[in-house]
Amino acid sequence: MATVLTRPAAGTVQCFGRKKTAVAVAYTKPGRGLIKVNGVPIELIRPEILRLKAVAKGLVAYFQKYVDEAAKKEVKDIFSRYDRTLLVADPRRCEPKKFGGRGARARFQKSYR
């Protein structure tokens, strides 16, 4: 008897994207093919790099939930080779100001006479 392979029914996938303190939520479910980020259709999102980030993270989340681990790793590697920032958050933050100067590193000018 032949074994029939069936794919699991695709359900919903939710993924998050962060930049500094902002968080965007993308929620996908079976339906008409609309993708929304924070309730806004993805076609309206500007700049284009943010649209690409949303789609990239959504694809990786889908592969993690509904497809095998090897396929997820392969998709992740492809995105990482293209642009690592599509999947990884930027950890840079503003450095706090310290005393003795106008900013974080700048010091007030010193005079000896």
N, C-alpha and C. Protein backbone atom coordinates (compact mmCIF):
# COMPACT_ATOMS: atom_id res chain seq x y z
N MET A 1 0.83 -1.17 0.00
CA MET A 1 0.00 0.00 0.00
C MET A 1 0.88 1.25 0.00
N ALA A 2 0.54 2.22 -0.79
CA ALA A 2 1.33 3.44 -0.89
C ALA A 2 0.99 4.39 0.25
N THR A 3 2.01 5.05 0.75
CA THR A 3 1.80 6.02 1.82
C THR A 3 1.54 7.39 1.21
N VAL A 4 0.47 8.00 1.63
CA VAL A 4 0.11 9.32 1.12
C VAL A 4 0.59 10.37 2.12
N LEU A 5 1.41 11.30 1.63
CA LEU A 5 1.90 12.37 2.49
C LEU A 5 0.91 13.52 2.47
N THR A 6 0.50 13.94 3.63
CA THR A 6 -0.41 15.08 3.71
C THR A 6 0.26 16.19 4.50
N ARG A 7 0.06 17.42 4.05
CA ARG A 7 0.61 18.57 4.76
C ARG A 7 -0.39 19.00 5.82
N PRO A 8 0.11 19.46 6.96
CA PRO A 8 -0.82 19.94 7.98
C PRO A 8 -1.55 21.18 7.51
N ALA A 9 -2.78 21.33 7.95
CA ALA A 9 -3.56 22.50 7.57
C ALA A 9 -2.89 23.75 8.10
N ALA A 10 -2.67 24.70 7.19
CA ALA A 10 -2.00 25.94 7.59
C ALA A 10 -2.95 26.77 8.44
N GLY A 11 -2.49 27.13 9.61
CA GLY A 11 -3.30 27.94 10.52
C GLY A 11 -2.84 29.38 10.49
N THR A 12 -2.65 29.94 11.65
CA THR A 12 -2.24 31.33 11.74
C THR A 12 -0.79 31.44 12.19
N VAL A 13 -0.14 32.50 11.74
CA VAL A 13 1.24 32.78 12.14
C VAL A 13 1.29 34.24 12.58
N GLN A 14 1.93 34.46 13.71
CA GLN A 14 2.09 35.82 14.23
C GLN A 14 3.57 36.05 14.47
N CYS A 15 4.12 37.17 13.98
CA CYS A 15 5.52 37.46 14.23
C CYS A 15 5.69 38.94 14.56
N PHE A 16 6.79 39.23 15.24
CA PHE A 16 7.05 40.58 15.72
C PHE A 16 8.31 41.12 15.07
N GLY A 17 8.36 42.42 14.87
CA GLY A 17 9.56 43.10 14.42
C GLY A 17 9.80 44.28 15.35
N ARG A 18 11.05 44.48 15.75
CA ARG A 18 11.35 45.55 16.70
C ARG A 18 12.40 46.49 16.14
N LYS A 19 12.26 47.78 16.44
CA LYS A 19 13.29 48.77 16.16
C LYS A 19 13.26 49.75 17.32
N LYS A 20 14.35 49.83 18.06
CA LYS A 20 14.44 50.62 19.29
C LYS A 20 13.31 50.18 20.23
N THR A 21 12.35 51.05 20.52
CA THR A 21 11.28 50.63 21.44
C THR A 21 9.98 50.32 20.70
N ALA A 22 9.96 50.50 19.38
CA ALA A 22 8.75 50.25 18.60
C ALA A 22 8.61 48.76 18.29
N VAL A 23 7.39 48.27 18.30
CA VAL A 23 7.11 46.87 17.99
C VAL A 23 6.02 46.82 16.94
N ALA A 24 6.27 46.08 15.85
CA ALA A 24 5.26 45.87 14.81
C ALA A 24 4.81 44.42 14.87
N VAL A 25 3.53 44.18 14.70
CA VAL A 25 2.98 42.83 14.77
C VAL A 25 2.37 42.49 13.42
N ALA A 26 2.81 41.38 12.84
CA ALA A 26 2.24 40.88 11.59
C ALA A 26 1.48 39.60 11.91
N TYR A 27 0.23 39.50 11.48
CA TYR A 27 -0.63 38.38 11.80
C TYR A 27 -1.21 37.86 10.49
N THR A 28 -0.92 36.60 10.16
CA THR A 28 -1.43 36.04 8.91
C THR A 28 -2.32 34.85 9.21
N LYS A 29 -3.33 34.67 8.37
CA LYS A 29 -4.23 33.54 8.50
C LYS A 29 -4.73 33.17 7.10
N PRO A 30 -5.22 31.95 6.91
CA PRO A 30 -5.71 31.57 5.59
C PRO A 30 -6.88 32.45 5.19
N GLY A 31 -6.91 32.82 3.93
CA GLY A 31 -8.00 33.69 3.49
C GLY A 31 -7.77 34.21 2.10
N ARG A 32 -7.88 35.53 1.95
CA ARG A 32 -7.83 36.16 0.63
C ARG A 32 -6.43 36.53 0.18
N GLY A 33 -5.42 36.29 0.98
CA GLY A 33 -4.05 36.62 0.59
C GLY A 33 -3.62 38.01 1.00
N LEU A 34 -4.37 38.63 1.90
CA LEU A 34 -4.00 39.96 2.38
C LEU A 34 -2.99 39.82 3.51
N ILE A 35 -1.95 40.65 3.48
CA ILE A 35 -0.98 40.69 4.56
C ILE A 35 -1.09 42.07 5.20
N LYS A 36 -1.28 42.08 6.52
CA LYS A 36 -1.39 43.36 7.23
C LYS A 36 -0.34 43.41 8.33
N VAL A 37 0.24 44.59 8.52
CA VAL A 37 1.17 44.85 9.60
C VAL A 37 0.60 46.00 10.42
N ASN A 38 0.35 45.77 11.69
CA ASN A 38 -0.31 46.74 12.56
C ASN A 38 -1.64 47.19 11.98
N GLY A 39 -2.34 46.29 11.31
CA GLY A 39 -3.66 46.59 10.76
C GLY A 39 -3.64 47.33 9.44
N VAL A 40 -2.46 47.58 8.86
CA VAL A 40 -2.33 48.32 7.61
C VAL A 40 -1.92 47.34 6.51
N PRO A 41 -2.55 47.37 5.33
CA PRO A 41 -2.13 46.49 4.23
C PRO A 41 -0.66 46.71 3.89
N ILE A 42 0.03 45.63 3.57
CA ILE A 42 1.48 45.70 3.38
C ILE A 42 1.87 46.55 2.17
N GLU A 43 0.96 46.71 1.20
CA GLU A 43 1.28 47.52 0.02
C GLU A 43 1.46 48.99 0.38
N LEU A 44 0.86 49.43 1.50
CA LEU A 44 0.92 50.84 1.89
C LEU A 44 2.12 51.17 2.77
N ILE A 45 2.90 50.17 3.14
CA ILE A 45 4.01 50.41 4.06
C ILE A 45 5.20 50.98 3.30
N ARG A 46 5.72 52.09 3.78
CA ARG A 46 6.90 52.75 3.23
C ARG A 46 7.89 52.93 4.36
N PRO A 47 9.17 52.88 4.18
CA PRO A 47 9.94 52.55 2.99
C PRO A 47 9.88 51.06 2.67
N GLU A 48 10.37 50.73 1.51
CA GLU A 48 10.28 49.36 1.01
C GLU A 48 11.02 48.36 1.90
N ILE A 49 12.13 48.78 2.53
CA ILE A 49 12.89 47.85 3.36
C ILE A 49 12.06 47.33 4.53
N LEU A 50 11.15 48.15 5.06
CA LEU A 50 10.28 47.68 6.15
C LEU A 50 9.30 46.63 5.65
N ARG A 51 8.84 46.80 4.41
CA ARG A 51 7.95 45.81 3.82
C ARG A 51 8.69 44.48 3.65
N LEU A 52 9.94 44.55 3.18
CA LEU A 52 10.73 43.33 3.01
C LEU A 52 10.98 42.64 4.34
N LYS A 53 11.26 43.43 5.39
CA LYS A 53 11.49 42.85 6.71
C LYS A 53 10.26 42.10 7.20
N ALA A 54 9.09 42.69 7.01
CA ALA A 54 7.85 42.05 7.48
C ALA A 54 7.62 40.72 6.76
N VAL A 55 7.82 40.70 5.46
CA VAL A 55 7.61 39.47 4.69
C VAL A 55 8.65 38.43 5.07
N ALA A 56 9.91 38.83 5.24
CA ALA A 56 10.98 37.88 5.57
C ALA A 56 10.72 37.21 6.92
N LYS A 57 10.40 38.00 7.93
CA LYS A 57 10.16 37.42 9.25
C LYS A 57 8.91 36.54 9.25
N GLY A 58 7.90 36.93 8.48
CA GLY A 58 6.69 36.13 8.39
C GLY A 58 6.95 34.78 7.73
N LEU A 59 7.77 34.78 6.68
CA LEU A 59 8.11 33.52 6.01
C LEU A 59 8.88 32.59 6.94
N VAL A 60 9.85 33.12 7.66
CA VAL A 60 10.63 32.28 8.57
C VAL A 60 9.73 31.73 9.67
N ALA A 61 8.80 32.55 10.19
CA ALA A 61 7.88 32.07 11.23
C ALA A 61 6.98 30.97 10.68
N TYR A 62 6.52 31.11 9.43
CA TYR A 62 5.67 30.09 8.82
C TYR A 62 6.44 28.77 8.68
N PHE A 63 7.67 28.86 8.16
CA PHE A 63 8.47 27.65 7.98
C PHE A 63 8.77 26.99 9.32
N GLN A 64 8.97 27.79 10.36
CA GLN A 64 9.25 27.23 11.68
C GLN A 64 8.05 26.47 12.22
N LYS A 65 6.85 26.97 11.95
CA LYS A 65 5.65 26.38 12.54
C LYS A 65 5.09 25.22 11.72
N TYR A 66 5.13 25.32 10.39
CA TYR A 66 4.42 24.35 9.56
C TYR A 66 5.30 23.48 8.66
N VAL A 67 6.57 23.81 8.52
CA VAL A 67 7.46 23.03 7.65
C VAL A 67 8.62 22.54 8.51
N ASP A 68 9.39 21.60 7.99
CA ASP A 68 10.46 21.01 8.79
C ASP A 68 11.58 22.01 9.09
N GLU A 69 12.40 21.64 10.06
CA GLU A 69 13.46 22.53 10.56
C GLU A 69 14.53 22.80 9.50
N ALA A 70 14.81 21.82 8.63
CA ALA A 70 15.84 22.01 7.60
C ALA A 70 15.42 23.09 6.61
N ALA A 71 14.15 23.08 6.22
CA ALA A 71 13.67 24.10 5.29
C ALA A 71 13.69 25.48 5.93
N LYS A 72 13.36 25.55 7.22
CA LYS A 72 13.41 26.84 7.92
C LYS A 72 14.83 27.38 7.94
N LYS A 73 15.80 26.51 8.22
CA LYS A 73 17.20 26.94 8.27
C LYS A 73 17.67 27.40 6.90
N GLU A 74 17.22 26.71 5.86
CA GLU A 74 17.60 27.09 4.49
C GLU A 74 17.05 28.47 4.13
N VAL A 75 15.79 28.72 4.44
CA VAL A 75 15.19 30.03 4.17
C VAL A 75 15.91 31.12 4.96
N LYS A 76 16.21 30.82 6.23
CA LYS A 76 16.91 31.78 7.08
C LYS A 76 18.29 32.11 6.52
N ASP A 77 19.01 31.10 6.04
CA ASP A 77 20.33 31.32 5.46
C ASP A 77 20.26 32.18 4.20
N ILE A 78 19.24 31.95 3.38
CA ILE A 78 19.07 32.74 2.16
C ILE A 78 18.86 34.21 2.51
N PHE A 79 17.97 34.48 3.47
CA PHE A 79 17.73 35.87 3.88
C PHE A 79 18.98 36.47 4.51
N SER A 80 19.72 35.69 5.30
CA SER A 80 20.92 36.21 5.95
C SER A 80 21.99 36.56 4.93
N ARG A 81 22.12 35.75 3.89
CA ARG A 81 23.11 36.05 2.85
C ARG A 81 22.72 37.30 2.07
N TYR A 82 21.42 37.51 1.87
CA TYR A 82 20.96 38.70 1.14
C TYR A 82 21.13 39.95 2.00
N ASP A 83 20.57 39.94 3.20
CA ASP A 83 20.66 41.09 4.10
C ASP A 83 20.33 40.63 5.51
N ARG A 84 21.32 40.64 6.40
CA ARG A 84 21.15 40.11 7.75
C ARG A 84 20.14 40.92 8.56
N THR A 85 20.00 42.21 8.25
CA THR A 85 19.10 43.06 9.03
C THR A 85 17.63 42.71 8.80
N LEU A 86 17.32 41.89 7.79
CA LEU A 86 15.93 41.47 7.59
C LEU A 86 15.44 40.60 8.73
N LEU A 87 16.37 39.89 9.39
CA LEU A 87 15.97 38.96 10.44
C LEU A 87 16.45 39.36 11.83
N VAL A 88 17.54 40.13 11.91
CA VAL A 88 18.15 40.43 13.20
C VAL A 88 17.93 41.90 13.56
N ALA A 89 17.57 42.16 14.80
CA ALA A 89 17.32 43.53 15.25
C ALA A 89 18.64 44.30 15.40
N ASP A 90 18.58 45.62 15.28
CA ASP A 90 19.73 46.48 15.43
C ASP A 90 19.85 46.86 16.91
N PRO A 91 20.93 46.45 17.59
CA PRO A 91 21.02 46.67 19.04
C PRO A 91 21.47 48.07 19.44
N ARG A 92 21.77 48.97 18.48
CA ARG A 92 22.31 50.28 18.84
C ARG A 92 21.27 51.13 19.54
N ARG A 93 21.69 51.78 20.61
CA ARG A 93 20.83 52.68 21.37
C ARG A 93 21.57 53.99 21.61
N CYS A 94 20.85 55.03 21.97
CA CYS A 94 21.44 56.33 22.26
C CYS A 94 22.13 56.26 23.61
N GLU A 95 23.38 56.72 23.66
CA GLU A 95 24.14 56.69 24.91
C GLU A 95 23.70 57.85 25.81
N PRO A 96 23.51 57.62 27.09
CA PRO A 96 23.04 58.70 27.97
C PRO A 96 24.12 59.75 28.21
N LYS A 97 23.67 60.98 28.45
CA LYS A 97 24.57 62.10 28.73
C LYS A 97 25.18 61.93 30.11
N LYS A 98 26.47 62.34 30.23
CA LYS A 98 27.15 62.33 31.52
C LYS A 98 27.45 63.76 31.96
N PHE A 99 27.83 63.92 33.20
CA PHE A 99 28.15 65.25 33.71
C PHE A 99 29.49 65.72 33.14
N GLY A 100 29.72 67.04 33.17
CA GLY A 100 31.00 67.61 32.74
C GLY A 100 31.07 67.91 31.26
N GLY A 101 29.96 67.85 30.56
CA GLY A 101 29.98 68.13 29.13
C GLY A 101 28.58 68.28 28.58
N ARG A 102 28.52 68.58 27.27
CA ARG A 102 27.22 68.81 26.63
C ARG A 102 26.55 67.50 26.18
N GLY A 103 27.30 66.44 26.02
CA GLY A 103 26.72 65.21 25.52
C GLY A 103 27.30 63.99 26.22
N ALA A 104 27.18 62.84 25.56
CA ALA A 104 27.65 61.60 26.15
C ALA A 104 29.17 61.55 26.22
N ARG A 105 29.86 62.04 25.19
CA ARG A 105 31.32 61.98 25.14
C ARG A 105 31.98 63.35 25.14
N ALA A 106 31.29 64.40 24.67
CA ALA A 106 31.89 65.74 24.59
C ALA A 106 32.08 66.31 25.99
N ARG A 107 33.21 66.98 26.21
CA ARG A 107 33.50 67.61 27.49
C ARG A 107 33.53 69.12 27.32
N PHE A 108 33.29 69.84 28.41
CA PHE A 108 33.45 71.29 28.38
C PHE A 108 34.93 71.62 28.22
N GLN A 109 35.21 72.75 27.55
CA GLN A 109 36.60 73.14 27.31
C GLN A 109 37.26 73.56 28.61
N LYS A 110 38.52 73.16 28.77
CA LYS A 110 39.24 73.44 30.00
C LYS A 110 40.21 74.59 29.77
N SER A 111 40.25 75.56 30.70
CA SER A 111 41.21 76.65 30.58
C SER A 111 42.10 76.65 31.83
N TYR A 112 43.38 76.93 31.63
CA TYR A 112 44.33 76.91 32.74
C TYR A 112 44.58 78.30 33.31
N ARG A 113 44.24 79.38 32.56
CA ARG A 113 44.49 80.74 33.05
C ARG A 113 43.30 81.61 32.87
